[in-house]
Amino acid sequence: MSSSVVDAPKAVLISGASRGIGRAIADRFLLNGWTVLGLARQPADLPFPLLVCDVGQPDHLQARMTKAFQEVEGLQVLVNNAGVYGATPWQMQNLAEFRSTMAVNAEAAYVACSAFARGLIERGRPGSIVNLSSVSARIGSVDVAYSASKAAIEGMTIAFARALAPEQIRVNA
């Protein structure tokens, strides 16, 4: 690895960073001296910059990913944390709700992984992508859409890990 990569500022992009698990992840990175850039649906008063983004809208997410690479030189880690869980039993779910969950939990992760990997490759930099999954991917839950979306995350993570290994981009869930 060249010294410019080692000496580059360390920065992370975290989706769903304004609250819950995403906020806790952001706080940990901040504590360890990283530059944090968040993505969230609503503006929030945070100790790090936040790009307002509906990850369920692929074009909007793609634009925000491009903006992140334009604004943050040392971007090297993506944490795909944004997600929805409705706890809606399958009998009460309809196809529109299923698709909405898949758009936020699985499709958005695909768009983010693809855009982030392209950004790293264009810069000639190694990096890491972390996709948040759930035990529901393996054992199921009352929310069929959620379980299916997290199973998709696990399969997608394995495929991206294999595809991006030659580029020195690690992908884990």
Foldseek 3Di string as FASTA:
>chain_A
DDVCLVPFAAEEEEEPCQDDPNVVVVVVCVVVPHQYEYEDCDDDDDPHHYDHADLLDLVRLLVVLVVCLVPGPNYAEYELDWADDDLAAPVPDDPVNLSSRLSGLAVSLVSNLVSNLVSCVVVLHAHEYEYDADCCCPVNGRRNSNNVSRVNVQVVQVVSQVVCVVSNYHGYD
